[in-house]
Amino acid sequence: MIMVLALIVGARVEACADQGGASFWLPGQYASLAAVPPSPGWSLSTDAYFYSGGVTASEIFSHGRTLTAGEHSRESLLLLTLAYAPETKVLGGQPSLSLGGGYGGNRVQADLSVSSQGAEFDRSDTVWGFTDLSPTASLSWNRGVHNGMIYLTGNVPVGSYNSQRLANIGIGFWAIDAGGGYTYYNPQTGWEFSGVVGFTVNFENSRTDYQNGIDSHLDWSVSRFLSAAWEVGIAGYVYYQLTGDSGSGDTVGPFKSRVAAVGPQVGYTFKVGGQPWYANLRGYYEFWAENRYEGYAVFATLNIPLGSAEKAVNSKQ
C-alpha cells in the first residue's frame, strides 16, 4: 500500500483541482435570454440535468484524505427553482429572488482508490439524495434590444454529502458567487445573444480541511427565433479556476482546473391554461479540460409562470 501511495503522490503534476472534481457553479445553467428581466409574479423553473465524464488513469482526484486515479462520473439531477419578481422596481430594474434545490443520483467509479484504510482497485460509489440549496438575488434592466443583469448567489451545504464517499450530491462547503449578464434580443430579426460571467469564492470544507480556489465561469448562447414559438441555436460555457486549491487536507497541491464546452440548443414556447410556458433542450460537448472531468452534459429546462395569464415567462416571450 505504501508503494502505491508513493506512486500517486509522485504523480502530482497530473493531479486534478477542485475537491472530488466538484465546483459550486454548474456550467451551462444559463443559456438564451439569460439577462431578460422576468415578469412580475411567481415562477417555477425545472431542469433535468445529466452529466457523464471522467479523467484518465494518470490523473488524480482528492476526496478528503482519499486519492483516486482514473475516475469517471455519471450524474442525473432534477433541479427546481422557485422565483418571485415583485412589482416594485429597484434602481430602474426588475428585482427577483429565488431558491433552488433538487434531487438526484451520482455514480463515481475509480480505477484505483488509496486512503488510510488501504488501496482498492475498481472502486465504485453510488448515492441518491438531495442537493444543496442555492438562494439567488438578481436585478435586471431592459433598454430596447439590450438587456442587462447582475446577480448574487451562494451554496448552503445541506445536501447529501459524506467525506468518505467518492460519489456525492451536495458539495460539503459554503460558497458565494456573483456576476452579471447581457442579452441582445431583436424581435424583428429574431436574433439573440446572451452571456453571463461570474466568480465563485469557496469556503473551506471543515470535514476535509480542503478549500477550492477562486473560480470564474462564462455561460453563453447564440440563437434565432424562427417563429413566435421555435428557437434554434448553439450554447456553450467556459470554466476557469483563477487560484489553486489549498488547505491542510489538500494532498495533491495547489492545482487549477479548466474546461470549455459547446453544443446545440432548441427552444419552444407554448401555452398551458392560457399561460406561456418555455422549454429549452441543450447539449454540451466538453473540451480543453485540464485537472477536471471531461465529457458531455444535457439540460432540459422548463419555465412555468405561476401568476396570471398576463404574466409571461419573461418580458420578451
Protein backbone atom coordinates (compact mmCIF):
# COMPACT_ATOMS: atom_id res chain seq x y z
CA MET A 1 0.00 0.00 0.00
CA ILE A 2 2.84 2.43 0.84
CA MET A 3 4.37 1.85 -2.60
CA VAL A 4 1.04 2.55 -4.33
CA LEU A 5 0.55 5.74 -2.30
CA ALA A 6 4.07 6.91 -3.15
CA LEU A 7 3.35 6.40 -6.86
CA ILE A 8 0.21 8.51 -6.60
CA VAL A 9 1.81 11.34 -4.65
CA GLY A 10 4.72 11.30 -7.09
CA ALA A 11 2.30 11.90 -9.97
CA ARG A 12 1.22 15.29 -8.60
CA VAL A 13 1.91 17.06 -11.87
CA GLU A 14 -1.25 15.43 -13.23
CA ALA A 15 -3.46 15.82 -10.19
CA CYS A 16 -6.93 17.36 -10.52
CA ALA A 17 -8.16 20.56 -8.94
CA ASP A 18 -11.46 21.12 -7.06
CA GLN A 19 -12.03 18.56 -4.34
CA GLY A 20 -13.63 15.50 -5.90
CA GLY A 21 -13.96 17.48 -9.14
CA ALA A 22 -16.91 19.34 -7.57
CA SER A 23 -17.47 23.06 -8.05
CA PHE A 24 -20.41 25.11 -6.78
CA TRP A 25 -21.20 26.57 -10.20
CA LEU A 26 -22.97 24.20 -12.57
CA PRO A 27 -21.65 25.22 -16.02
CA GLY A 28 -24.33 25.68 -18.66
CA GLN A 29 -27.16 26.63 -16.32
CA TYR A 30 -27.66 29.96 -18.16
CA ALA A 31 -28.47 29.98 -21.87
CA SER A 32 -30.72 32.03 -24.19
CA LEU A 33 -32.43 35.20 -22.90
CA ALA A 34 -30.43 34.91 -19.67
CA ALA A 35 -30.45 38.65 -18.86
CA VAL A 36 -34.00 39.49 -19.97
CA PRO A 37 -35.98 40.81 -16.95
CA PRO A 38 -38.62 38.41 -15.64
CA SER A 39 -42.25 39.49 -15.49
CA PRO A 40 -43.55 40.31 -12.00
CA GLY A 41 -45.03 37.37 -10.13
CA TRP A 42 -44.12 33.81 -9.16
CA SER A 43 -42.48 31.31 -11.49
CA LEU A 44 -41.02 27.83 -11.32
CA SER A 45 -38.06 26.61 -13.36
CA THR A 46 -37.29 22.89 -13.68
CA ASP A 47 -34.04 21.48 -15.04
CA ALA A 48 -33.44 17.83 -15.81
CA TYR A 49 -29.65 17.55 -15.87
CA PHE A 50 -27.41 14.68 -16.95
CA TYR A 51 -23.62 14.58 -16.95
CA SER A 52 -21.10 11.91 -17.91
CA GLY A 53 -17.36 12.47 -17.80
CA GLY A 54 -14.05 11.38 -16.39
CA VAL A 55 -10.28 11.56 -16.37
CA THR A 56 -7.51 9.20 -17.43
CA ALA A 57 -5.72 6.76 -15.16
CA SER A 58 -2.75 9.14 -14.90
CA GLU A 59 -4.87 11.91 -13.34
CA ILE A 60 -5.57 12.03 -9.62
CA PHE A 61 -8.52 13.37 -7.62
CA SER A 62 -8.60 14.17 -3.91
CA HIS A 63 -11.68 13.22 -1.90
CA GLY A 64 -10.67 14.46 1.52
CA ARG A 65 -7.97 12.02 2.65
CA THR A 66 -8.72 9.63 -0.21
CA LEU A 67 -6.87 9.79 -3.54
CA THR A 68 -8.23 8.24 -6.71
CA ALA A 69 -6.86 7.64 -10.21
CA GLY A 70 -8.82 7.06 -13.42
CA GLU A 71 -12.12 8.43 -12.13
CA HIS A 72 -15.44 8.54 -14.01
CA SER A 73 -18.81 10.02 -13.00
CA ARG A 74 -22.42 9.77 -14.20
CA GLU A 75 -24.84 12.19 -12.55
CA SER A 76 -28.58 12.75 -13.04
CA LEU A 77 -30.42 15.58 -11.26
CA LEU A 78 -33.88 17.15 -11.22
CA LEU A 79 -33.42 20.77 -10.17
CA LEU A 80 -36.26 23.11 -9.13
CA THR A 81 -36.02 26.89 -8.73
CA LEU A 82 -38.91 28.88 -7.26
CA ALA A 83 -38.64 32.60 -8.06
CA TYR A 84 -40.55 35.76 -7.20
CA ALA A 85 -40.28 39.10 -9.02
CA PRO A 86 -42.09 41.94 -7.21
CA GLU A 87 -43.96 44.78 -8.93
CA THR A 88 -41.63 47.34 -7.32
CA LYS A 89 -38.61 48.43 -9.36
CA VAL A 90 -35.16 48.95 -7.80
CA LEU A 91 -32.77 51.45 -9.43
CA GLY A 92 -34.97 51.25 -12.51
CA GLY A 93 -34.54 47.50 -12.75
CA GLN A 94 -36.61 44.39 -12.07
CA PRO A 95 -35.54 42.55 -8.88
CA SER A 96 -36.00 38.82 -8.45
CA LEU A 97 -35.49 36.44 -5.54
CA SER A 98 -35.25 32.68 -5.93
CA LEU A 99 -34.35 29.48 -4.14
CA GLY A 100 -33.04 26.42 -5.96
CA GLY A 101 -32.54 22.80 -4.97
CA GLY A 102 -33.25 19.32 -6.21
CA TYR A 103 -32.84 15.56 -6.02
CA GLY A 104 -30.77 13.09 -7.99
CA GLY A 105 -28.18 10.36 -8.19
CA ASN A 106 -24.46 10.14 -8.79
CA ARG A 107 -22.19 7.19 -9.51
CA VAL A 108 -18.41 7.51 -9.36
CA GLN A 109 -16.02 4.75 -10.35
CA ALA A 110 -12.24 4.87 -9.88
CA ASP A 111 -9.58 2.58 -11.30
CA LEU A 112 -7.62 2.97 -8.05
CA SER A 113 -8.52 4.39 -4.63
CA VAL A 114 -5.97 4.92 -1.85
CA SER A 115 -6.74 6.00 1.71
CA SER A 116 -5.59 5.27 5.25
CA GLN A 117 -7.67 2.07 5.01
CA GLY A 118 -5.53 0.79 2.14
CA ALA A 119 -5.67 0.55 -1.66
CA GLU A 120 -8.70 -0.61 -3.63
CA PHE A 121 -8.95 -1.30 -7.36
CA ASP A 122 -12.14 -0.66 -9.39
CA ARG A 123 -13.92 1.05 -6.54
CA SER A 124 -17.38 2.49 -7.22
CA ASP A 125 -19.79 4.50 -5.06
CA THR A 126 -23.42 5.35 -5.81
CA VAL A 127 -25.66 7.78 -3.95
CA TRP A 128 -29.15 9.20 -4.28
CA GLY A 129 -30.19 12.25 -2.32
CA PHE A 130 -30.98 15.95 -2.16
CA THR A 131 -28.77 18.73 -3.48
CA ASP A 132 -27.55 21.75 -1.56
CA LEU A 133 -29.73 24.88 -1.59
CA SER A 134 -28.89 27.96 -3.68
CA PRO A 135 -30.59 31.28 -2.82
CA THR A 136 -30.23 33.95 -5.55
CA ALA A 137 -30.96 37.67 -5.81
CA SER A 138 -30.83 39.41 -9.18
CA LEU A 139 -31.59 42.78 -10.75
CA SER A 140 -32.35 43.15 -14.48
CA TRP A 141 -32.84 46.05 -16.90
CA ASN A 142 -34.26 46.40 -20.41
CA ARG A 143 -33.47 49.12 -22.94
CA GLY A 144 -34.95 48.17 -26.29
CA VAL A 145 -32.95 45.26 -27.72
CA HIS A 146 -30.42 45.47 -24.86
CA ASN A 147 -30.83 43.71 -21.51
CA GLY A 148 -28.54 43.64 -18.50
CA MET A 149 -28.49 41.66 -15.27
CA ILE A 150 -26.46 41.36 -12.08
CA TYR A 151 -26.82 38.56 -9.54
CA LEU A 152 -25.60 37.26 -6.20
CA THR A 153 -25.97 33.62 -5.24
CA GLY A 154 -24.38 31.06 -2.95
CA ASN A 155 -24.31 27.50 -1.72
CA VAL A 156 -25.91 26.29 1.52
CA PRO A 157 -24.37 22.84 2.21
CA VAL A 158 -27.41 20.86 3.34
CA GLY A 159 -27.39 18.22 0.60
CA SER A 160 -26.36 14.58 0.66
CA TYR A 161 -22.63 14.60 1.38
CA ASN A 162 -20.20 12.24 3.08
CA SER A 163 -16.46 12.92 3.01
CA GLN A 164 -15.78 9.15 2.96
CA ARG A 165 -17.70 8.63 -0.29
CA LEU A 166 -16.43 9.13 -3.82
CA ALA A 167 -19.96 9.99 -5.02
CA ASN A 168 -21.92 12.88 -3.52
CA ILE A 169 -24.87 15.08 -4.41
CA GLY A 170 -24.00 18.01 -2.12
CA ILE A 171 -20.53 19.56 -2.23
CA GLY A 172 -19.98 19.88 1.53
CA PHE A 173 -18.97 23.55 1.81
CA TRP A 174 -20.31 27.11 1.65
CA ALA A 175 -19.70 29.30 -1.41
CA ILE A 176 -20.57 32.78 -2.69
CA ASP A 177 -20.91 33.60 -6.39
CA ALA A 178 -21.51 37.00 -8.03
CA GLY A 179 -21.62 38.19 -11.61
CA GLY A 180 -23.60 39.76 -14.39
CA GLY A 181 -25.01 39.13 -17.84
CA TYR A 182 -26.08 40.73 -21.09
CA THR A 183 -28.70 39.72 -23.66
CA TYR A 184 -29.22 41.20 -27.10
CA TYR A 185 -32.63 40.26 -28.46
CA ASN A 186 -34.17 41.76 -31.59
CA PRO A 187 -37.76 40.52 -32.12
CA GLN A 188 -37.78 41.91 -35.67
CA THR A 189 -34.83 39.80 -36.85
CA GLY A 190 -35.24 37.01 -34.27
CA TRP A 191 -31.55 37.06 -33.33
CA GLU A 192 -30.49 36.60 -29.73
CA PHE A 193 -27.13 36.59 -27.94
CA SER A 194 -26.58 36.08 -24.21
CA GLY A 195 -23.57 35.88 -21.95
CA VAL A 196 -23.32 35.54 -18.17
CA VAL A 197 -19.98 35.79 -16.36
CA GLY A 198 -19.34 35.23 -12.67
CA PHE A 199 -16.82 34.45 -9.96
CA THR A 200 -17.03 31.96 -7.09
CA VAL A 201 -15.36 32.26 -3.69
CA ASN A 202 -15.32 28.85 -1.99
CA PHE A 203 -15.06 28.36 1.76
CA GLU A 204 -13.08 25.53 3.35
CA ASN A 205 -14.73 22.15 3.75
CA SER A 206 -14.49 21.66 7.51
CA ARG A 207 -14.78 17.87 7.21
CA THR A 208 -11.80 17.53 4.88
CA ASP A 209 -9.81 20.74 5.58
CA TYR A 210 -9.81 21.33 1.82
CA GLN A 211 -10.57 24.64 0.10
CA ASN A 212 -11.22 25.06 -3.61
CA GLY A 213 -9.64 28.07 -5.28
CA ILE A 214 -11.48 31.06 -6.73
CA ASP A 215 -13.38 30.08 -9.88
CA SER A 216 -14.52 32.06 -12.92
CA HIS A 217 -17.17 30.97 -15.42
CA LEU A 218 -18.92 32.11 -18.60
CA ASP A 219 -22.20 30.74 -19.97
CA TRP A 220 -23.17 31.91 -23.47
CA SER A 221 -25.82 31.42 -26.13
CA VAL A 222 -26.41 32.44 -29.75
CA SER A 223 -29.83 31.63 -31.24
CA ARG A 224 -32.51 32.74 -33.66
CA PHE A 225 -36.26 32.64 -33.24
CA LEU A 226 -37.66 31.07 -36.41
CA SER A 227 -41.19 31.92 -35.31
CA ALA A 228 -43.04 33.08 -32.23
CA ALA A 229 -42.74 29.52 -30.90
CA TRP A 230 -39.48 27.98 -32.15
CA GLU A 231 -35.87 28.92 -31.44
CA VAL A 232 -32.65 27.18 -32.54
CA GLY A 233 -29.00 27.93 -31.88
CA ILE A 234 -25.85 26.97 -30.03
CA ALA A 235 -24.76 27.36 -26.41
CA GLY A 236 -21.55 26.87 -24.52
CA TYR A 237 -19.57 27.54 -21.38
CA VAL A 238 -16.06 28.17 -20.15
CA TYR A 239 -14.97 27.31 -16.60
CA TYR A 240 -11.56 28.55 -15.45
CA GLN A 241 -10.09 28.33 -11.96
CA LEU A 242 -8.19 31.52 -11.08
CA THR A 243 -6.37 30.40 -7.92
CA GLY A 244 -5.17 27.00 -6.77
CA ASP A 245 -6.71 24.77 -4.12
CA SER A 246 -5.43 24.96 -0.56
CA GLY A 247 -5.92 23.73 2.99
CA SER A 248 -4.23 21.10 5.13
CA GLY A 249 -6.42 18.44 3.52
CA ASP A 250 -5.13 19.25 0.03
CA THR A 251 -2.72 16.36 -0.54
CA VAL A 252 -2.17 16.91 -4.27
CA GLY A 253 -1.03 20.54 -4.47
CA PRO A 254 -2.38 23.99 -5.49
CA PHE A 255 -3.67 22.93 -8.89
CA LYS A 256 -6.10 24.86 -11.10
CA SER A 257 -8.76 23.42 -13.39
CA ARG A 258 -10.43 24.47 -16.62
CA VAL A 259 -12.92 23.19 -19.17
CA ALA A 260 -14.95 24.52 -22.11
CA ALA A 261 -17.99 23.17 -23.93
CA VAL A 262 -20.27 23.88 -26.88
CA GLY A 263 -23.38 22.28 -28.34
CA PRO A 264 -26.82 22.73 -29.94
CA GLN A 265 -29.96 24.07 -28.33
CA VAL A 266 -33.62 24.31 -29.28
CA GLY A 267 -36.36 26.28 -27.55
CA TYR A 268 -40.15 26.15 -27.77
CA THR A 269 -42.84 28.44 -26.34
CA PHE A 270 -46.36 27.08 -25.84
CA LYS A 271 -49.43 27.84 -23.76
CA VAL A 272 -50.97 25.87 -20.91
CA GLY A 273 -54.19 27.19 -19.43
CA GLY A 274 -53.68 30.45 -21.29
CA GLN A 275 -50.21 30.98 -19.82
CA PRO A 276 -47.00 30.78 -21.88
CA TRP A 277 -44.52 28.09 -20.87
CA TYR A 278 -40.99 27.91 -22.25
CA ALA A 279 -38.99 24.71 -22.87
CA ASN A 280 -35.31 24.53 -23.80
CA LEU A 281 -33.19 21.48 -24.62
CA ARG A 282 -29.41 21.84 -24.97
CA GLY A 283 -26.40 19.57 -25.01
CA TYR A 284 -22.75 20.34 -24.33
CA TYR A 285 -19.63 18.54 -25.54
CA GLU A 286 -16.62 19.36 -23.35
CA PHE A 287 -13.04 20.01 -24.48
CA TRP A 288 -9.95 21.95 -23.33
CA ALA A 289 -10.15 20.19 -19.95
CA GLU A 290 -7.25 20.31 -17.53
CA ASN A 291 -7.29 18.95 -13.97
CA ARG A 292 -11.05 18.37 -14.31
CA TYR A 293 -13.58 15.94 -15.73
CA GLU A 294 -14.19 15.99 -19.49
CA GLY A 295 -17.36 14.57 -21.03
CA TYR A 296 -20.81 15.78 -22.02
CA ALA A 297 -23.83 17.37 -20.36
CA VAL A 298 -27.53 17.71 -21.21
CA PHE A 299 -30.05 20.25 -19.85
CA ALA A 300 -33.81 20.02 -20.36
CA THR A 301 -35.34 23.22 -18.96
CA LEU A 302 -38.99 24.10 -18.45
CA ASN A 303 -40.02 27.57 -17.22
CA ILE A 304 -43.53 27.72 -15.73
CA PRO A 305 -45.29 31.00 -14.83
CA LEU A 306 -47.36 30.74 -11.68
CA GLY A 307 -49.02 34.16 -11.94
CA SER A 308 -51.97 35.37 -14.04
CA ALA A 309 -52.35 34.75 -17.76
CA GLU A 310 -50.83 38.16 -18.48
CA LYS A 311 -47.59 37.26 -16.75
CA ALA A 312 -45.32 35.58 -19.28
CA VAL A 313 -42.21 33.52 -18.70
CA ASN A 314 -40.17 36.64 -19.48
CA SER A 315 -40.88 40.03 -20.93
CA LYS A 316 -39.77 39.07 -24.44
CA GLN A 317 -41.85 35.94 -24.95
